[in-house]
Amino acid sequence: MSAQPRIYIAGPDVFQPDYARHKARIKQWCAELGLVALCPGDDEVSGEDKAEVARRIYEINIALIDSADYVVANVCDFRGHEPDSGTVFEIGYAVGRGKKVWGYNTPAQDLLSQVPQGAPGYCRQGLLIEDFGLPRNLMLVHAAELVQGDLRDCLQGVARWHAGQR
């Protein structure tokens, strides 16, 4: 592990219209905390066609996760009541590679309180809502340290945790 830990920043932030500016802020915040931000470069990838661009983004992001010491993931609701599926994949991949993962933008309420219900305990599509009193699916809760706060709060926690590991 490096003296300045390398942090892969996962999340749907790459879809923001001002992602380049957001990425610059993330890198600055990390530097202030003695961390090195590894941000997906989706906004910087080009190719012959969409399929090539998509493949290159995947390969670059996998390489960034592999080179990271830790992963910090935005687990906010994205296009519904669950986190972004690409972010969830990146969390799983990182955990599989033995990396410590933190998630931020975690809801304060349990999952049952977050999802609109048709019948009690069932979503409007008639599927059972996981009811373990957890703010996210149990697989995410047990794979990552979930932070109720924003990215800066999470990065500060990572920096404190890392300092305690030395």
Protein backbone atom coordinates (compact mmCIF):
# COMPACT_ATOMS: atom_id res chain seq x y z
CA MET A 1 0.00 0.00 0.00
CA SER A 2 1.28 3.42 -0.91
CA ALA A 3 2.01 6.20 1.60
CA GLN A 4 -0.55 8.30 -0.25
CA PRO A 5 -3.41 5.86 -0.73
CA ARG A 6 -4.91 5.66 -4.19
CA ILE A 7 -8.69 5.92 -4.12
CA TYR A 8 -10.88 4.80 -7.03
CA ILE A 9 -13.97 7.01 -7.09
CA ALA A 10 -16.99 5.00 -8.29
CA GLY A 11 -20.46 6.33 -8.92
CA PRO A 12 -22.93 7.79 -11.34
CA ASP A 13 -21.20 11.18 -11.06
CA VAL A 14 -19.72 10.48 -14.52
CA PHE A 15 -23.17 11.23 -15.95
CA GLN A 16 -23.22 14.79 -14.58
CA PRO A 17 -23.07 17.44 -17.30
CA ASP A 18 -20.19 19.16 -15.44
CA TYR A 19 -18.28 15.95 -14.68
CA ALA A 20 -14.89 17.36 -15.73
CA ARG A 21 -15.22 20.17 -13.16
CA HIS A 22 -16.56 17.74 -10.54
CA LYS A 23 -13.60 15.42 -11.16
CA ALA A 24 -11.16 18.32 -10.64
CA ARG A 25 -12.84 19.09 -7.27
CA ILE A 26 -12.57 15.45 -6.22
CA LYS A 27 -8.86 15.41 -7.04
CA GLN A 28 -8.35 18.60 -5.04
CA TRP A 29 -10.28 17.28 -2.01
CA CYS A 30 -8.26 14.06 -2.07
CA ALA A 31 -4.96 15.92 -2.35
CA GLU A 32 -5.90 18.07 0.67
CA LEU A 33 -6.39 14.85 2.66
CA GLY A 34 -3.20 13.16 1.47
CA LEU A 35 -5.11 10.85 -0.87
CA VAL A 36 -4.72 10.31 -4.61
CA ALA A 37 -8.00 10.29 -6.55
CA LEU A 38 -8.40 7.82 -9.40
CA CYS A 39 -11.44 9.12 -11.24
CA PRO A 40 -13.04 7.36 -14.18
CA GLY A 41 -12.11 9.16 -17.37
CA ASP A 42 -15.34 8.46 -19.22
CA ASP A 43 -15.33 12.06 -20.44
CA GLU A 44 -11.84 11.60 -21.93
CA VAL A 45 -12.25 8.32 -23.87
CA SER A 46 -12.65 8.28 -27.62
CA GLY A 47 -12.81 5.57 -30.23
CA GLU A 48 -13.97 4.55 -33.68
CA ASP A 49 -17.52 3.79 -32.53
CA LYS A 50 -19.68 3.52 -29.40
CA ALA A 51 -18.81 -0.14 -28.87
CA GLU A 52 -15.09 0.65 -28.83
CA VAL A 53 -15.58 3.58 -26.46
CA ALA A 54 -17.65 1.42 -24.11
CA ARG A 55 -15.03 -1.36 -24.10
CA ARG A 56 -12.22 1.13 -23.45
CA ILE A 57 -14.10 2.74 -20.56
CA TYR A 58 -14.59 -0.70 -19.01
CA GLU A 59 -10.93 -1.67 -19.44
CA ILE A 60 -9.64 1.65 -18.09
CA ASN A 61 -11.91 1.55 -15.06
CA ILE A 62 -10.95 -2.06 -14.26
CA ALA A 63 -7.26 -1.08 -14.48
CA LEU A 64 -7.88 1.90 -12.18
CA ILE A 65 -9.64 -0.30 -9.60
CA ASP A 66 -6.80 -2.82 -9.81
CA SER A 67 -4.26 -0.05 -9.13
CA ALA A 68 -6.27 1.48 -6.26
CA ASP A 69 -5.71 0.84 -2.57
CA TYR A 70 -9.36 1.55 -1.75
CA VAL A 71 -12.66 2.27 -3.48
CA VAL A 72 -15.09 5.02 -2.55
CA ALA A 73 -18.52 4.64 -4.16
CA ASN A 74 -21.54 6.90 -4.49
CA VAL A 75 -24.46 4.62 -3.55
CA CYS A 76 -27.18 7.25 -4.00
CA ASP A 77 -30.47 6.36 -5.64
CA PHE A 78 -29.92 6.41 -9.38
CA ARG A 79 -32.80 6.29 -11.84
CA GLY A 80 -34.96 4.59 -9.20
CA HIS A 81 -34.56 3.29 -5.65
CA GLU A 82 -31.22 1.51 -6.00
CA PRO A 83 -27.62 2.57 -6.68
CA ASP A 84 -26.20 2.68 -10.20
CA SER A 85 -25.62 -0.86 -11.52
CA GLY A 86 -22.15 0.01 -12.83
CA THR A 87 -21.18 1.28 -9.40
CA VAL A 88 -22.52 -1.87 -7.77
CA PHE A 89 -20.42 -3.94 -10.20
CA GLU A 90 -17.32 -1.89 -9.33
CA ILE A 91 -17.96 -2.45 -5.61
CA GLY A 92 -18.27 -6.19 -6.15
CA TYR A 93 -15.19 -6.30 -8.34
CA ALA A 94 -13.16 -4.36 -5.77
CA VAL A 95 -14.30 -6.59 -2.91
CA GLY A 96 -13.42 -9.63 -5.00
CA ARG A 97 -9.93 -8.20 -5.44
CA GLY A 98 -9.59 -7.76 -1.66
CA LYS A 99 -9.98 -3.98 -1.58
CA LYS A 100 -11.65 -2.07 1.25
CA VAL A 101 -14.71 -0.17 0.01
CA TRP A 102 -16.64 2.79 1.41
CA GLY A 103 -20.02 3.99 0.17
CA TYR A 104 -21.45 7.46 0.62
CA ASN A 105 -24.81 9.15 0.08
CA THR A 106 -26.31 6.27 2.04
CA PRO A 107 -29.95 6.86 2.97
CA ALA A 108 -30.74 7.26 6.67
CA GLN A 109 -33.91 5.14 6.42
CA ASP A 110 -34.09 1.39 6.03
CA LEU A 111 -34.87 -0.06 2.60
CA LEU A 112 -38.47 -0.88 3.55
CA SER A 113 -39.11 2.82 4.28
CA GLN A 114 -37.52 3.95 1.01
CA VAL A 115 -39.36 1.83 -1.54
CA PRO A 116 -42.96 2.74 -2.43
CA GLN A 117 -45.22 -0.16 -1.51
CA GLY A 118 -48.22 -1.71 -3.20
CA ALA A 119 -49.10 -4.17 -0.45
CA PRO A 120 -47.33 -3.94 2.93
CA GLY A 121 -43.76 -5.21 2.56
CA TYR A 122 -44.02 -5.50 -1.24
CA CYS A 123 -43.05 -3.00 -3.92
CA ARG A 124 -45.55 -1.80 -6.50
CA GLN A 125 -44.39 -4.57 -8.85
CA GLY A 126 -45.43 -7.12 -6.20
CA LEU A 127 -41.90 -8.14 -5.14
CA LEU A 128 -40.88 -8.55 -1.51
CA ILE A 129 -38.82 -5.64 -0.15
CA GLU A 130 -35.77 -6.75 1.80
CA ASP A 131 -36.56 -6.05 5.48
CA PHE A 132 -33.41 -6.32 7.59
CA GLY A 133 -33.47 -2.73 8.85
CA LEU A 134 -30.60 -1.86 6.48
CA PRO A 135 -30.34 1.25 4.25
CA ARG A 136 -29.23 -0.75 1.19
CA ASN A 137 -29.33 -4.34 -0.03
CA LEU A 138 -27.61 -6.59 2.52
CA MET A 139 -24.90 -7.52 0.02
CA LEU A 140 -23.80 -3.87 -0.26
CA VAL A 141 -24.08 -3.24 3.47
CA HIS A 142 -21.76 -6.13 4.27
CA ALA A 143 -19.35 -5.39 1.39
CA ALA A 144 -18.68 -1.74 2.22
CA GLU A 145 -18.46 0.77 5.03
CA LEU A 146 -21.54 2.89 4.37
CA VAL A 147 -21.37 6.57 5.30
CA GLN A 148 -24.37 8.81 5.80
CA GLY A 149 -22.89 11.89 4.25
CA ASP A 150 -21.41 13.19 1.05
CA LEU A 151 -18.15 12.48 -0.73
CA ARG A 152 -16.12 14.86 1.42
CA ASP A 153 -17.40 13.20 4.60
CA CYS A 154 -16.49 9.81 3.18
CA LEU A 155 -13.01 10.87 2.04
CA GLN A 156 -12.32 12.31 5.49
CA GLY A 157 -13.30 8.96 7.00
CA VAL A 158 -11.04 7.09 4.59
CA ALA A 159 -8.10 9.38 5.44
CA ARG A 160 -8.67 8.87 9.20
CA TRP A 161 -9.00 5.10 8.77
CA HIS A 162 -5.85 4.92 6.64
CA ALA A 163 -3.87 6.99 9.17
CA GLY A 164 -4.88 4.49 11.85
CA GLN A 165 -3.57 1.58 9.77
CA ARG A 166 0.04 2.80 9.65
